[in-house]
């Protein structure tokens, strides 16, 4: 029985993909020969070869060599990030993924309702992959990307609502005469019907003590 092209050879998928495009053959010998030539050219820093590397070839190699060693689920998240990038920006070459494209990609994600934290996560995965490409001499430099900052949220009450019993204990610690009976009854009614933070209750007591 004849073996499938590349089966058991250990030849990375990205190399086989490159062979299909450049020579129209899936022969293992051709794949290995091209891989050796590319490694030699890249080690010598020949930029022309870097500029010809397609996004798909880079992705196949990154998923083959990097994603497989990551924690469960991480590889799937990266694949999802790459899928979104391809759908939105349609990069043909690896070198196309530069500052301009990633800036437009940020705008696309934001325009499609993605949270700032999600956009930041997408960009972090992409930039990490591109830095790996630089280490592998597949790319000259990784693009510099300005990460989005998470919008400041309004301050939210911390802690649980104060109970009527807790408020009454606070009242006991207030010197006699500081709180009028009217204020005491008003506070008790508010806490009983709506609740409130301990901080707010203490703030009210402090305010009343300064303005009896």
Protein backbone atom coordinates (compact mmCIF):
# COMPACT_ATOMS: atom_id res chain seq x y z
CA UNK A 1 0.00 0.00 0.00
CA UNK A 2 1.27 3.46 -0.78
CA UNK A 3 1.49 5.95 2.04
CA UNK A 4 -0.31 9.26 2.03
CA UNK A 5 1.79 12.31 1.18
CA UNK A 6 3.56 13.49 4.26
CA UNK A 7 2.13 10.68 6.41
CA UNK A 8 4.52 9.68 9.15
CA UNK A 9 7.21 11.93 7.72
CA UNK A 10 7.05 14.55 10.43
CA UNK A 11 6.85 17.24 7.75
CA UNK A 12 4.86 20.18 9.19
CA UNK A 13 1.50 20.94 7.64
CA UNK A 14 2.56 24.44 6.69
CA UNK A 15 5.36 23.04 4.52
CA UNK A 16 2.96 20.71 2.70
CA UNK A 17 0.63 23.65 2.11
CA UNK A 18 3.50 25.64 0.63
CA UNK A 19 4.40 22.74 -1.66
CA UNK A 20 0.86 22.51 -3.00
CA UNK A 21 0.97 26.17 -3.96
CA UNK A 22 4.46 26.42 -5.39
CA UNK A 23 5.00 23.13 -7.18
CA UNK A 24 1.61 21.48 -7.42
CA UNK A 25 2.86 18.29 -5.81
CA UNK A 26 2.42 16.65 -2.41
CA UNK A 27 5.56 14.51 -2.62
CA UNK A 28 7.41 14.19 0.67
CA UNK A 29 10.82 14.60 -0.95
CA UNK A 30 9.82 17.91 -2.56
CA UNK A 31 8.38 19.15 0.72
CA UNK A 32 11.56 18.34 2.62
CA UNK A 33 13.73 19.91 -0.06
CA UNK A 34 11.70 23.13 0.00
CA UNK A 35 11.70 23.18 3.80
CA UNK A 36 15.50 22.92 3.87
CA UNK A 37 15.81 25.72 1.31
CA UNK A 38 13.46 27.99 3.23
CA UNK A 39 15.29 27.38 6.50
CA UNK A 40 18.59 28.25 4.81
CA UNK A 41 17.18 31.39 3.20
CA UNK A 42 15.54 32.54 6.40
CA UNK A 43 18.67 31.94 8.47
CA UNK A 44 20.55 34.16 6.01
CA UNK A 45 17.95 36.89 6.44
CA UNK A 46 16.76 37.04 2.86
CA UNK A 47 13.81 39.40 3.14
CA UNK A 48 12.28 38.46 -0.19
CA UNK A 49 11.32 35.06 1.22
CA UNK A 50 9.74 36.63 4.27
CA UNK A 51 7.58 38.90 2.15
CA UNK A 52 6.25 35.89 0.21
CA UNK A 53 5.08 33.92 3.25
CA UNK A 54 1.31 33.78 3.22
CA UNK A 55 -0.87 34.25 6.26
CA UNK A 56 -2.22 30.72 5.83
CA UNK A 57 1.27 29.20 5.80
CA UNK A 58 2.20 31.13 8.93
CA UNK A 59 -1.02 30.10 10.66
CA UNK A 60 -0.56 26.43 9.86
CA UNK A 61 2.97 26.50 11.21
CA UNK A 62 2.01 28.44 14.35
CA UNK A 63 -0.82 26.06 15.13
CA UNK A 64 1.39 23.07 14.40
CA UNK A 65 4.40 24.18 16.46
CA UNK A 66 2.94 26.38 19.19
CA UNK A 67 -0.75 25.89 19.82
CA UNK A 68 -0.44 22.16 20.33
CA UNK A 69 1.75 22.72 23.39
CA UNK A 70 -0.60 25.21 25.07
CA UNK A 71 -3.12 24.52 27.81
CA UNK A 72 -6.47 22.98 26.92
CA UNK A 73 -8.75 25.49 25.27
CA UNK A 74 -6.03 28.05 24.55
CA UNK A 75 -5.37 26.71 21.06
CA UNK A 76 -9.09 26.84 20.30
CA UNK A 77 -9.28 30.46 21.46
CA UNK A 78 -6.33 31.40 19.26
CA UNK A 79 -7.94 29.64 16.29
CA UNK A 80 -11.13 31.62 16.93
CA UNK A 81 -9.14 34.88 17.07
CA UNK A 82 -7.45 34.04 13.77
CA UNK A 83 -10.80 33.13 12.19
CA UNK A 84 -12.24 36.52 13.13
CA UNK A 85 -9.16 38.31 11.78
CA UNK A 86 -9.42 36.44 8.49
CA UNK A 87 -13.14 37.13 8.17
CA UNK A 88 -12.76 40.82 8.95
CA UNK A 89 -9.43 41.81 7.36
CA UNK A 90 -8.73 38.99 4.88
CA UNK A 91 -4.91 39.12 5.10
CA UNK A 92 -3.23 37.34 2.18
CA UNK A 93 0.38 37.64 3.29
CA UNK A 94 1.81 37.51 6.79
CA UNK A 95 3.45 40.89 6.15
CA UNK A 96 0.00 42.38 5.54
CA UNK A 97 -0.74 42.10 9.27
CA UNK A 98 0.83 45.41 10.25
CA UNK A 99 -0.04 48.40 12.46
CA UNK A 100 -2.54 49.76 9.97
CA UNK A 101 -4.40 46.47 9.55
CA UNK A 102 -4.56 45.83 13.30
CA UNK A 103 -5.80 49.36 13.94
CA UNK A 104 -8.59 48.79 11.44
CA UNK A 105 -9.26 45.42 13.02
CA UNK A 106 -9.73 47.08 16.41
CA UNK A 107 -12.29 49.41 14.88
CA UNK A 108 -14.05 46.46 13.21
CA UNK A 109 -14.27 44.53 16.49
CA UNK A 110 -15.56 47.59 18.32
CA UNK A 111 -18.08 48.29 15.58
CA UNK A 112 -19.38 44.74 15.92
CA UNK A 113 -20.07 45.15 19.62
CA UNK A 114 -17.01 43.47 21.12
CA UNK A 115 -16.10 44.55 24.66
CA UNK A 116 -12.81 46.40 25.16
CA UNK A 117 -11.48 43.48 27.22
CA UNK A 118 -12.29 41.11 24.34
CA UNK A 119 -10.58 43.38 21.81
CA UNK A 120 -7.50 43.53 24.03
CA UNK A 121 -7.45 39.72 24.30
CA UNK A 122 -7.71 39.33 20.50
CA UNK A 123 -4.85 41.75 19.91
CA UNK A 124 -2.67 40.13 22.57
CA UNK A 125 -3.01 36.71 20.91
CA UNK A 126 -2.26 38.14 17.46
CA UNK A 127 0.77 40.15 18.61
CA UNK A 128 2.18 37.15 20.51
CA UNK A 129 1.90 35.07 17.33
CA UNK A 130 3.59 37.77 15.24
CA UNK A 131 6.45 38.06 17.72
CA UNK A 132 6.94 34.32 17.41
CA UNK A 133 7.06 34.81 13.63
CA UNK A 134 9.86 37.35 14.11
CA UNK A 135 11.76 34.85 16.28
CA UNK A 136 11.39 32.30 13.48
CA UNK A 137 12.62 34.87 10.93
CA UNK A 138 9.34 34.71 9.06
CA UNK A 139 8.75 38.42 9.66
CA UNK A 140 11.14 41.35 9.99
CA UNK A 141 9.45 43.08 12.94
CA UNK A 142 6.25 42.68 14.89
CA UNK A 143 3.82 45.59 14.59
CA UNK A 144 3.50 47.95 17.54
CA UNK A 145 -0.06 47.93 18.74
CA UNK A 146 -1.71 50.33 21.16
CA UNK A 147 -3.83 48.14 23.39
CA UNK A 148 -7.28 49.50 24.26
CA UNK A 149 -7.80 50.56 27.84
CA UNK A 150 -10.79 49.23 29.67
CA UNK A 151 -13.34 51.97 30.25
CA UNK A 152 -13.59 53.11 33.83
CA UNK A 153 -16.66 51.82 35.54
CA UNK A 154 -18.78 53.87 37.87
CA UNK A 155 -18.18 53.18 41.52
CA UNK A 156 -20.38 50.45 42.86
CA UNK A 157 -21.41 50.01 46.45
CA UNK A 158 -19.21 47.48 48.20
CA UNK A 159 -20.47 45.15 50.87
CA UNK A 160 -24.02 44.10 51.67
CA UNK A 161 -26.93 46.27 52.74
CA UNK A 162 -27.05 47.18 56.44
CA UNK A 163 -29.79 45.61 58.51
CA UNK A 164 -32.11 47.44 60.85
CA UNK A 165 -30.55 45.62 63.81
CA UNK A 166 -27.06 46.74 62.76
CA UNK A 167 -28.23 50.33 62.38
CA UNK A 168 -29.75 50.27 65.85
CA UNK A 169 -26.43 49.09 67.25
CA UNK A 170 -24.75 52.01 65.48
CA UNK A 171 -27.31 54.34 67.01
CA UNK A 172 -26.39 53.11 70.47
CA UNK A 173 -22.84 54.34 69.93
CA UNK A 174 -23.93 57.87 69.00
CA UNK A 175 -23.84 60.32 71.92
CA UNK A 176 -27.25 61.29 73.29
CA UNK A 177 -28.73 64.36 71.64
CA UNK A 178 -26.79 64.10 68.39
CA UNK A 179 -29.63 62.40 66.51
CA UNK A 180 -33.15 63.68 66.85
CA UNK A 181 -35.99 61.20 67.19
CA UNK A 182 -37.24 62.29 63.78
CA UNK A 183 -33.90 61.42 62.13
CA UNK A 184 -33.76 58.07 63.92
CA UNK A 185 -37.21 57.08 62.73
CA UNK A 186 -36.46 58.29 59.18
CA UNK A 187 -33.29 56.20 58.96
CA UNK A 188 -34.97 53.14 60.36
CA UNK A 189 -37.80 53.39 57.87
CA UNK A 190 -35.41 53.81 54.93
CA UNK A 191 -33.28 50.84 55.93
CA UNK A 192 -36.28 48.65 56.59
CA UNK A 193 -37.85 49.41 53.21
CA UNK A 194 -34.83 49.69 50.87
CA UNK A 195 -31.65 48.78 52.69
CA UNK A 196 -28.37 50.63 52.18
CA UNK A 197 -24.64 50.35 52.61
CA UNK A 198 -22.98 50.52 56.00
CA UNK A 199 -20.73 53.21 54.55
CA UNK A 200 -23.74 55.35 53.61
CA UNK A 201 -25.29 54.97 57.05
CA UNK A 202 -22.05 55.92 58.78
CA UNK A 203 -21.67 58.87 56.40
CA UNK A 204 -25.10 60.10 57.34
CA UNK A 205 -24.32 59.83 61.05
CA UNK A 206 -21.08 61.73 60.51
CA UNK A 207 -22.91 64.45 58.60
CA UNK A 208 -25.56 64.81 61.29
CA UNK A 209 -22.95 64.91 64.05
CA UNK A 210 -21.26 67.86 62.31
CA UNK A 211 -24.56 69.64 61.64
CA UNK A 212 -26.86 68.90 64.61
